[in-house]
Amino acid sequence: MNKEFAAHFANEWLQAWNAHDLDRVLSHYSDDFEMFSPVIAQVMGIKEGRLQGKSVVGAYWAKALAMFPDLAFTPVCTMVGVNSITIHYIGATGKRVAEVFQFNAENQVIRAHAHYET
């Protein structure tokens, strides 16, 4: 993982979300990626807050985009790890969010964990 890739990924990912372009958002993920979020538990009623697979997560995100037609993310910073990055941003509700993305060798996200300000 390097700083240039992380900056490019974060910029592209945020732009895709802010454009509400779900296909563009999903293009960053492997077909069988896992998504973990407390919002999954709230919105979908799935206690463990985990979804797996691009089509399943895509349906969840389509529902979220419909619920928040003015959704926009404001970047704060991007942090680099080992085969991972964290994007810190201000979410649709005005609270801080940090999403940790783990990548495979093809630079696709295989696992993501969303963390929300309480």
Protein backbone atom coordinates (compact mmCIF):
# COMPACT_ATOMS: atom_id res chain seq x y z
CA MET A 1 0.00 0.00 0.00
CA ASN A 2 1.32 3.45 -0.79
CA LYS A 3 0.24 7.03 -0.24
CA GLU A 4 -0.48 7.71 -3.93
CA PHE A 5 -2.82 4.73 -4.33
CA ALA A 6 -4.56 5.56 -1.05
CA ALA A 7 -5.16 9.19 -2.11
CA HIS A 8 -6.43 8.13 -5.54
CA PHE A 9 -8.72 5.46 -4.09
CA ALA A 10 -10.15 7.80 -1.45
CA ASN A 11 -10.78 10.56 -3.96
CA GLU A 12 -12.46 8.23 -6.46
CA TRP A 13 -14.50 6.44 -3.77
CA LEU A 14 -15.77 9.71 -2.26
CA GLN A 15 -16.60 11.15 -5.70
CA ALA A 16 -18.54 8.00 -6.62
CA TRP A 17 -20.59 8.16 -3.42
CA ASN A 18 -21.23 11.89 -3.77
CA ALA A 19 -22.41 11.31 -7.35
CA HIS A 20 -24.73 8.55 -6.06
CA ASP A 21 -23.20 6.31 -8.74
CA LEU A 22 -23.66 2.88 -7.20
CA ASP A 23 -22.04 0.99 -10.09
CA ARG A 24 -18.96 3.20 -9.75
CA VAL A 25 -18.87 2.66 -5.97
CA LEU A 26 -19.18 -1.11 -6.38
CA SER A 27 -16.40 -1.19 -8.99
CA HIS A 28 -13.89 -0.84 -6.13
CA TYR A 29 -14.91 -4.13 -4.49
CA SER A 30 -14.29 -7.82 -5.17
CA ASP A 31 -17.39 -9.90 -5.93
CA ASP A 32 -17.36 -11.63 -2.54
CA PHE A 33 -16.25 -8.77 -0.28
CA GLU A 34 -17.51 -8.47 3.28
CA MET A 35 -18.98 -5.30 4.76
CA PHE A 36 -19.28 -4.75 8.50
CA SER A 37 -21.27 -1.82 9.89
CA PRO A 38 -23.51 -1.08 12.87
CA VAL A 39 -25.85 0.60 10.37
CA ILE A 40 -26.36 -2.77 8.67
CA ALA A 41 -27.63 -4.05 12.01
CA GLN A 42 -29.99 -1.07 12.36
CA VAL A 43 -31.30 -0.81 8.79
CA MET A 44 -31.33 -4.47 7.80
CA GLY A 45 -32.02 -6.03 11.22
CA ILE A 46 -28.95 -8.26 10.91
CA LYS A 47 -27.60 -8.56 14.44
CA GLU A 48 -23.95 -9.21 13.50
CA GLY A 49 -23.91 -6.18 11.16
CA ARG A 50 -22.27 -8.16 8.34
CA LEU A 51 -23.14 -8.54 4.67
CA GLN A 52 -21.20 -10.51 2.07
CA GLY A 53 -21.18 -10.24 -1.72
CA LYS A 54 -21.33 -7.34 -4.13
CA SER A 55 -24.99 -7.93 -5.06
CA VAL A 56 -26.15 -8.15 -1.43
CA VAL A 57 -24.21 -5.08 -0.30
CA GLY A 58 -25.26 -3.25 -3.48
CA ALA A 59 -28.93 -3.79 -2.61
CA TYR A 60 -28.28 -2.46 0.90
CA TRP A 61 -26.47 0.61 -0.44
CA ALA A 62 -29.24 1.25 -3.00
CA LYS A 63 -31.68 1.35 -0.08
CA ALA A 64 -29.39 3.76 1.80
CA LEU A 65 -29.11 6.08 -1.23
CA ALA A 66 -32.92 6.11 -1.52
CA MET A 67 -33.24 6.93 2.20
CA PHE A 68 -30.70 9.80 1.93
CA PRO A 69 -31.25 11.55 -1.42
CA ASP A 70 -28.95 14.40 -0.36
CA LEU A 71 -26.20 12.07 0.82
CA ALA A 72 -22.75 13.63 0.62
CA PHE A 73 -19.47 12.72 2.27
CA THR A 74 -16.92 15.38 3.20
CA PRO A 75 -13.35 14.06 3.44
CA VAL A 76 -11.26 14.66 6.56
CA CYS A 77 -8.19 12.51 5.92
CA THR A 78 -6.93 9.21 4.54
CA MET A 79 -4.65 6.90 6.53
CA VAL A 80 -2.44 4.16 5.10
CA GLY A 81 -1.93 0.73 6.65
CA VAL A 82 -0.65 -2.65 5.50
CA ASN A 83 -2.80 -3.68 2.51
CA SER A 84 -5.42 -1.32 3.90
CA ILE A 85 -6.48 2.27 4.14
CA THR A 86 -8.85 4.19 6.37
CA ILE A 87 -10.95 7.03 5.03
CA HIS A 88 -12.11 9.47 7.69
CA TYR A 89 -15.02 11.64 6.52
CA ILE A 90 -18.10 13.51 7.66
CA GLY A 91 -21.13 11.40 6.79
CA ALA A 92 -24.69 12.12 5.72
CA THR A 93 -25.82 12.81 9.28
CA GLY A 94 -23.00 15.29 9.97
CA LYS A 95 -21.15 12.85 12.22
CA ARG A 96 -17.62 11.55 11.70
CA VAL A 97 -17.15 8.18 10.02
CA ALA A 98 -14.02 6.06 9.55
CA GLU A 99 -14.06 3.22 7.06
CA VAL A 100 -11.25 0.69 6.98
CA PHE A 101 -10.70 -1.03 3.62
CA GLN A 102 -8.61 -4.18 3.21
CA PHE A 103 -7.36 -4.88 -0.33
CA ASN A 104 -6.40 -7.97 -2.33
CA ALA A 105 -3.46 -8.21 -4.75
CA GLU A 106 -5.63 -6.68 -7.53
CA ASN A 107 -6.28 -3.56 -5.39
CA GLN A 108 -9.93 -4.44 -4.90
CA VAL A 109 -11.57 -4.16 -1.50
CA ILE A 110 -12.16 -7.57 0.07
CA ARG A 111 -13.31 -6.39 3.50
CA ALA A 112 -14.59 -3.08 4.85
CA HIS A 113 -15.44 -1.98 8.38
CA ALA A 114 -17.41 1.21 9.00
CA HIS A 115 -17.08 3.04 12.32
CA TYR A 116 -19.40 5.88 13.35
CA GLU A 117 -19.07 8.69 15.85
CA THR A 118 -21.30 8.10 18.85
